[in-house]
Amino acid sequence: MIAEATSAGWSFGRSCRVLGLSERRARYWQTRQAAGALEDRRPGGRAVHALRPEEVSAILELASQWGEIDGSHRKLAHRGSYLARVWVSPATVLRVLLAHGRALPYRPPRARTEARAWPEWVDYRPRQVWGYDFSAFPAAGTSALAILDLVSRKWIDTMLCPEATHVQVQAVFTRALEREGLLEEILALTDDPSGDRAERRPVLLAVSDNGAQMTSGSTREFMALHAIATHYGRPGTPTDQAHIESLFGHLKHEWPHLCALTGPRELARELDAVRHQYNHVRLHAGIGYVTPADEHDGRGSAIRHARRVGLARAREQRIAYHRGTHPRLIA
């Protein structure tokens, strides 16, 4: 087409522009045509940046030695540079393995499990579902065990635990139950000899991960004696305890000085002060921008309703103001 166009009087550059072809590529094709090599060639070939034979051998040796352990061409590529044997990209490793008929051990993906629903007897209201978990504070050389009401998001209690065992779980639960006024109800329920134990409903549901402190026989026995049902998340699925995980994330992000404290006593004092601010001052987005204390004590619905009423009233006042002051509307 270019030859026909140029023979009809078109310039070479104009012909390339109409065809949407670069002049350089067109010249290259003309050179190949003059040499009789215009047919399509096999892609690839020996490029100047192609792998050297010793690099191919190193990749195959890596697959033989580390394929069972790494199980991935991506890891093998980094294993090669980690061992100072070969420096190639993951795609290059995969291409070499496929070219030599080598396959890494297949690892099927972990089977997904469905999250267990809360028991039917649970009412979605405060003082019904508590979540608890540990979080490390390395600078102070200790961990903190916190209990959170998963409905109202109220941070119930905290205890510093140099050793994370079932003893700390029992201690902080006993203190939290007493603080929330549930301990007397539990004692009255367990001391009632006339009630049918088979028909008794638990007072509380405790949600946690599968840590050894939570699943130990001592913890299970303590929970059962206090009429507390247990609910464990799926292994390796922290989103099943998203609220309590989020609590520690917010603490360490919004009050970063907590992670810098080196004294356990000072850390405990600061955690108590932060807990009061978290419960009574900080607005929580997950419960409609009220404080956890408002939601826990039943004031959240009224506050949210008052905001909706206030927004509607403010809109009416703006409309009335602009209708009364706009020159065109007054005229």
Protein backbone atom coordinates (compact mmCIF):
# COMPACT_ATOMS: atom_id res chain seq x y z
CA MET A 1 0.00 0.00 0.00
CA ILE A 2 2.86 2.38 0.76
CA ALA A 3 4.56 1.54 -2.52
CA GLU A 4 1.33 2.12 -4.44
CA ALA A 5 0.69 5.42 -2.65
CA THR A 6 4.21 6.76 -3.22
CA SER A 7 4.11 5.77 -6.89
CA ALA A 8 0.91 7.81 -7.22
CA GLY A 9 2.67 10.91 -5.94
CA TRP A 10 2.13 10.72 -2.17
CA SER A 11 5.03 11.34 0.10
CA PHE A 12 6.35 8.48 2.23
CA GLY A 13 5.58 10.31 5.46
CA ARG A 14 2.00 11.15 4.43
CA SER A 15 1.35 7.53 3.49
CA CYS A 16 2.54 6.34 6.91
CA ARG A 17 0.39 8.93 8.71
CA VAL A 18 -2.76 7.89 6.85
CA LEU A 19 -2.07 4.21 7.61
CA GLY A 20 -1.31 5.01 11.26
CA LEU A 21 2.16 3.50 10.94
CA SER A 22 5.45 4.92 12.16
CA GLU A 23 8.00 5.72 9.48
CA ARG A 24 10.66 3.77 11.35
CA ARG A 25 8.61 0.57 11.27
CA ALA A 26 7.81 1.07 7.61
CA ARG A 27 11.53 1.49 6.74
CA TYR A 28 12.29 -1.64 8.76
CA TRP A 29 9.72 -3.61 6.78
CA GLN A 30 11.15 -2.32 3.50
CA THR A 31 14.61 -3.47 4.56
CA ARG A 32 13.29 -6.94 5.39
CA GLN A 33 11.41 -7.07 2.08
CA ALA A 34 14.58 -6.24 0.15
CA ALA A 35 16.38 -9.05 2.00
CA GLY A 36 13.57 -11.52 1.32
CA ALA A 37 12.83 -11.95 5.03
CA LEU A 38 9.39 -10.38 5.30
CA GLU A 39 7.72 -13.58 6.56
CA ASP A 40 6.74 -13.68 10.22
CA ARG A 41 9.51 -15.09 12.35
CA ARG A 42 9.25 -17.08 15.56
CA PRO A 43 8.81 -14.69 18.51
CA GLY A 44 11.58 -14.37 21.02
CA GLY A 45 14.94 -15.49 19.83
CA ARG A 46 18.27 -14.88 21.50
CA ALA A 47 17.99 -11.38 22.94
CA VAL A 48 21.02 -9.63 24.38
CA HIS A 49 19.41 -9.77 27.83
CA ALA A 50 18.53 -13.48 27.62
CA LEU A 51 19.42 -15.78 30.51
CA ARG A 52 22.84 -17.33 30.57
CA PRO A 53 23.06 -21.15 30.73
CA GLU A 54 24.38 -21.06 34.30
CA GLU A 55 21.37 -18.95 35.37
CA VAL A 56 18.97 -21.51 33.93
CA SER A 57 20.82 -24.25 35.79
CA ALA A 58 20.67 -22.25 39.02
CA ILE A 59 16.89 -21.80 38.68
CA LEU A 60 16.39 -25.53 38.14
CA GLU A 61 18.62 -26.35 41.12
CA LEU A 62 16.62 -23.95 43.27
CA ALA A 63 13.40 -25.67 42.22
CA SER A 64 14.86 -29.06 43.17
CA GLN A 65 16.19 -27.95 46.56
CA TRP A 66 13.60 -25.40 47.68
CA GLY A 67 10.50 -26.13 45.64
CA GLU A 68 8.92 -28.25 48.38
CA ILE A 69 9.55 -25.56 51.00
CA ASP A 70 8.78 -22.40 49.04
CA GLY A 71 6.06 -23.81 46.82
CA SER A 72 5.91 -20.68 44.66
CA HIS A 73 7.90 -19.30 41.73
CA ARG A 74 7.71 -15.89 43.42
CA LYS A 75 9.41 -17.18 46.55
CA LEU A 76 11.97 -19.07 44.47
CA ALA A 77 12.93 -15.85 42.68
CA HIS A 78 13.59 -14.15 46.02
CA ARG A 79 15.23 -17.30 47.39
CA GLY A 80 17.77 -17.11 44.58
CA SER A 81 18.86 -13.60 45.50
CA TYR A 82 18.61 -14.42 49.23
CA LEU A 83 21.16 -17.21 48.71
CA ALA A 84 23.18 -15.09 46.24
CA ARG A 85 22.77 -17.71 43.49
CA VAL A 86 20.70 -16.01 40.80
CA TRP A 87 18.96 -12.67 40.39
CA VAL A 88 15.86 -13.02 38.20
CA SER A 89 12.22 -11.96 38.27
CA PRO A 90 9.40 -14.30 39.37
CA ALA A 91 8.09 -14.36 35.78
CA THR A 92 11.49 -15.57 34.56
CA VAL A 93 11.51 -18.39 37.11
CA LEU A 94 8.06 -19.50 36.01
CA ARG A 95 9.03 -19.35 32.31
CA VAL A 96 12.13 -21.50 32.89
CA LEU A 97 10.20 -24.05 34.93
CA LEU A 98 7.48 -24.34 32.29
CA ALA A 99 10.05 -24.64 29.47
CA HIS A 100 11.70 -27.58 31.26
CA GLY A 101 8.49 -29.28 32.31
CA ARG A 102 9.03 -28.65 36.01
CA ALA A 103 6.04 -28.14 38.29
CA LEU A 104 6.12 -27.01 41.90
CA PRO A 105 4.11 -28.92 44.51
CA TYR A 106 0.46 -27.89 44.36
CA ARG A 107 -0.95 -26.46 47.54
CA PRO A 108 -4.73 -26.20 47.49
CA PRO A 109 -6.13 -22.98 48.98
CA ARG A 110 -7.35 -23.10 52.53
CA ALA A 111 -10.99 -24.07 52.64
CA ARG A 112 -13.28 -21.25 53.63
CA THR A 113 -15.51 -21.82 56.59
CA GLU A 114 -18.74 -20.06 57.40
CA ALA A 115 -18.84 -17.93 60.52
CA ARG A 116 -21.03 -19.32 63.25
CA ALA A 117 -24.01 -17.17 64.07
CA TRP A 118 -24.64 -15.99 67.60
CA PRO A 119 -27.08 -18.13 69.60
CA GLU A 120 -30.76 -17.41 69.12
CA TRP A 121 -31.23 -16.35 72.74
CA VAL A 122 -28.90 -13.35 72.30
CA ASP A 123 -30.70 -10.00 72.21
CA TYR A 124 -28.83 -7.28 70.35
CA ARG A 125 -28.63 -4.89 73.28
CA PRO A 126 -25.94 -3.75 75.74
CA ARG A 127 -24.76 -6.17 78.45
CA GLN A 128 -25.47 -9.17 76.24
CA VAL A 129 -22.33 -9.76 74.15
CA TRP A 130 -18.79 -9.05 75.30
CA GLY A 131 -15.61 -9.47 73.31
CA TYR A 132 -12.19 -9.78 74.90
CA ASP A 133 -8.63 -10.04 73.63
CA PHE A 134 -4.98 -9.36 74.46
CA SER A 135 -2.72 -6.77 72.86
CA ALA A 136 1.01 -6.35 73.45
CA PHE A 137 2.74 -3.18 74.62
CA PRO A 138 6.39 -4.12 74.06
CA ALA A 139 7.91 -0.92 75.46
CA ALA A 140 6.32 -1.60 78.85
CA GLY A 141 7.08 -5.30 78.65
CA THR A 142 3.48 -6.33 79.18
CA SER A 143 0.15 -7.02 77.48
CA ALA A 144 -3.29 -5.57 78.05
CA LEU A 145 -6.47 -7.63 78.31
CA ALA A 146 -9.56 -5.61 77.44
CA ILE A 147 -13.28 -6.37 77.48
CA LEU A 148 -15.57 -4.56 75.05
CA ASP A 149 -19.36 -4.55 74.85
CA LEU A 150 -19.86 -5.46 71.19
CA VAL A 151 -23.28 -3.80 70.98
CA SER A 152 -22.66 -0.43 72.63
CA ARG A 153 -18.87 -0.46 71.95
CA LYS A 154 -18.27 0.47 75.58
CA TRP A 155 -14.80 -0.39 76.80
CA ILE A 156 -15.74 -2.22 79.99
CA ASP A 157 -12.43 -2.96 81.67
CA THR A 158 -8.69 -3.47 81.16
CA MET A 159 -6.01 -5.38 82.99
CA LEU A 160 -2.26 -5.47 82.37
CA CYS A 161 -0.98 -9.01 82.07
CA PRO A 162 2.75 -9.77 82.09
CA GLU A 163 1.66 -13.37 81.50
CA ALA A 164 -1.37 -14.05 79.34
CA THR A 165 -3.06 -16.99 81.09
CA HIS A 166 -6.55 -18.07 82.14
CA VAL A 167 -5.95 -16.46 85.55
CA GLN A 168 -6.02 -12.96 84.05
CA VAL A 169 -9.14 -13.79 82.02
CA GLN A 170 -11.00 -14.90 85.14
CA ALA A 171 -9.82 -11.90 87.15
CA VAL A 172 -10.81 -9.25 84.62
CA PHE A 173 -14.18 -10.92 83.94
CA THR A 174 -14.98 -11.02 87.65
CA ARG A 175 -14.18 -7.34 87.99
CA ALA A 176 -16.10 -6.40 84.84
CA LEU A 177 -19.19 -8.39 85.89
CA GLU A 178 -19.19 -6.62 89.22
CA ARG A 179 -18.69 -3.22 87.57
CA GLU A 180 -21.63 -3.77 85.22
CA GLY A 181 -23.95 -5.06 87.96
CA LEU A 182 -24.18 -8.57 86.49
CA LEU A 183 -22.35 -10.46 89.21
CA GLU A 184 -25.26 -10.32 91.65
CA GLU A 185 -27.63 -11.56 88.94
CA ILE A 186 -25.31 -14.45 88.18
CA LEU A 187 -24.91 -15.40 91.83
CA ALA A 188 -28.66 -15.28 92.36
CA LEU A 189 -29.16 -17.48 89.32
CA THR A 190 -26.61 -20.09 90.35
CA ASP A 191 -27.75 -20.16 93.98
CA ASP A 192 -31.41 -20.72 93.12
CA PRO A 193 -32.08 -24.39 93.87
CA SER A 194 -35.65 -24.29 92.57
CA GLY A 195 -34.84 -23.34 88.97
CA ASP A 196 -34.49 -25.83 86.18
CA ARG A 197 -30.86 -25.72 85.06
CA ALA A 198 -31.74 -27.17 81.66
CA GLU A 199 -34.01 -24.21 80.87
CA ARG A 200 -31.76 -21.46 82.22
CA ARG A 201 -30.53 -19.03 79.65
CA PRO A 202 -26.94 -17.70 79.89
CA VAL A 203 -26.58 -14.18 81.18
CA LEU A 204 -23.84 -13.21 78.76
CA LEU A 205 -22.09 -14.30 75.55
CA ALA A 206 -18.28 -14.01 75.54
CA VAL A 207 -16.71 -13.74 72.07
CA SER A 208 -13.00 -14.37 71.54
CA ASP A 209 -10.45 -15.96 69.27
CA ASN A 210 -8.99 -19.44 69.73
CA GLY A 211 -6.10 -18.44 71.97
CA ALA A 212 -4.94 -20.90 74.58
CA GLN A 213 -6.07 -18.58 77.38
CA MET A 214 -9.62 -18.48 75.98
CA THR A 215 -10.04 -22.16 75.13
CA SER A 216 -8.39 -23.65 78.22
CA GLY A 217 -10.41 -25.93 80.44
CA SER A 218 -10.10 -23.52 83.37
CA THR A 219 -11.57 -20.65 81.36
CA ARG A 220 -14.42 -22.82 80.07
CA GLU A 221 -15.19 -23.97 83.59
CA PHE A 222 -15.18 -20.41 84.90
CA MET A 223 -17.52 -19.25 82.13
CA ALA A 224 -19.91 -22.13 82.71
CA LEU A 225 -20.03 -21.52 86.49
CA HIS A 226 -20.90 -17.86 85.84
CA ALA A 227 -23.65 -18.62 83.31
CA ILE A 228 -21.55 -17.16 80.45
CA ALA A 229 -21.73 -18.81 77.04
CA THR A 230 -18.63 -18.80 74.83
CA HIS A 231 -18.34 -18.11 71.11
CA TYR A 232 -15.03 -18.60 69.29
CA GLY A 233 -14.06 -17.12 65.95
CA ARG A 234 -12.65 -19.11 63.07
CA PRO A 235 -8.89 -19.84 63.21
CA GLY A 236 -6.90 -17.30 61.23
CA THR A 237 -9.91 -15.01 60.79
CA PRO A 238 -9.46 -11.90 62.96
CA THR A 239 -12.49 -10.26 61.33
CA ASP A 240 -14.68 -12.53 63.45
CA GLN A 241 -13.54 -10.38 66.38
CA ALA A 242 -13.39 -7.17 64.38
CA HIS A 243 -14.75 -4.86 67.10
CA ILE A 244 -12.24 -5.80 69.80
CA GLU A 245 -9.41 -5.82 67.24
CA SER A 246 -10.51 -2.36 66.14
CA LEU A 247 -10.43 -1.14 69.74
CA PHE A 248 -6.71 -1.75 70.11
CA GLY A 249 -6.06 -0.35 66.64
CA HIS A 250 -7.80 2.91 67.52
CA LEU A 251 -6.04 3.13 70.88
CA LYS A 252 -2.56 2.82 69.45
CA HIS A 253 -3.33 5.15 66.54
CA GLU A 254 -5.18 7.93 68.36
CA TRP A 255 -3.12 7.77 71.56
CA PRO A 256 0.34 6.79 70.26
CA HIS A 257 2.03 7.76 73.51
CA LEU A 258 0.66 4.53 75.02
CA CYS A 259 3.10 2.50 72.94
CA ALA A 260 6.04 4.60 74.14
CA LEU A 261 5.42 4.17 77.88
CA THR A 262 7.99 1.94 79.55
CA GLY A 263 6.51 1.58 83.03
CA PRO A 264 3.57 -0.80 83.58
CA ARG A 265 2.20 1.35 86.40
CA GLU A 266 2.26 4.46 84.23
CA LEU A 267 0.70 2.53 81.35
CA ALA A 268 -2.13 1.29 83.57
CA ARG A 269 -2.84 4.84 84.75
CA GLU A 270 -2.89 6.17 81.19
CA LEU A 271 -5.14 3.34 79.98
CA ASP A 272 -7.68 4.21 82.67
CA ALA A 273 -7.65 7.87 81.57
CA VAL A 274 -7.95 6.92 77.90
CA ARG A 275 -10.77 4.48 78.68
CA HIS A 276 -12.80 7.27 80.28
CA GLN A 277 -12.22 9.51 77.26
CA TYR A 278 -13.03 6.66 74.86
CA ASN A 279 -16.31 5.88 76.62
CA HIS A 280 -17.55 9.37 77.52
CA VAL A 281 -15.97 11.87 75.07
CA ARG A 282 -15.01 10.21 71.80
CA LEU A 283 -17.85 9.88 69.26
CA HIS A 284 -18.01 6.39 67.78
CA ALA A 285 -18.89 6.09 64.08
CA GLY A 286 -20.04 2.49 64.40
CA ILE A 287 -22.97 3.43 66.67
CA GLY A 288 -24.14 6.57 64.91
CA TYR A 289 -21.66 9.14 66.25
CA VAL A 290 -22.58 8.99 69.92
CA THR A 291 -20.32 8.02 72.77
CA PRO A 292 -20.25 4.37 73.88
CA ALA A 293 -21.50 5.46 77.30
CA ASP A 294 -24.56 7.10 75.67
CA GLU A 295 -25.34 3.94 73.73
CA HIS A 296 -24.65 1.69 76.70
CA ASP A 297 -27.00 3.63 78.98
CA GLY A 298 -29.79 3.94 76.39
CA ARG A 299 -29.35 7.59 75.38
CA GLY A 300 -28.06 6.88 71.87
CA SER A 301 -31.43 6.61 70.12
CA ALA A 302 -32.64 9.93 71.56
CA ILE A 303 -29.42 11.70 70.53
CA ARG A 304 -29.58 10.38 66.98
CA HIS A 305 -33.27 11.35 66.73
CA ALA A 306 -32.52 14.85 68.04
CA ARG A 307 -29.88 15.27 65.33
CA ARG A 308 -32.29 14.26 62.57
CA VAL A 309 -34.89 16.69 63.94
CA GLY A 310 -32.27 19.42 64.20
CA LEU A 311 -31.10 18.89 60.62
CA ALA A 312 -34.68 19.15 59.32
CA ARG A 313 -35.35 22.27 61.41
CA ALA A 314 -32.13 23.94 60.27
CA ARG A 315 -33.03 23.27 56.65
CA GLU A 316 -36.44 24.89 57.10
CA GLN A 317 -34.84 27.89 58.79
CA ARG A 318 -32.34 28.32 55.95
CA ILE A 319 -35.13 28.21 53.37
CA ALA A 320 -37.17 30.79 55.32
CA TYR A 321 -34.14 33.03 55.76
CA HIS A 322 -33.17 33.07 52.10
CA ARG A 323 -36.76 33.55 50.96
CA GLY A 324 -37.00 36.60 53.22
CA THR A 325 -33.69 38.14 52.24
CA HIS A 326 -33.25 37.30 48.55
CA PRO A 327 -33.86 40.51 46.48
CA ARG A 328 -35.61 38.77 43.62
CA LEU A 329 -37.99 36.86 45.92
CA ILE A 330 -38.81 40.02 47.93
CA ALA A 331 -39.60 41.97 44.75
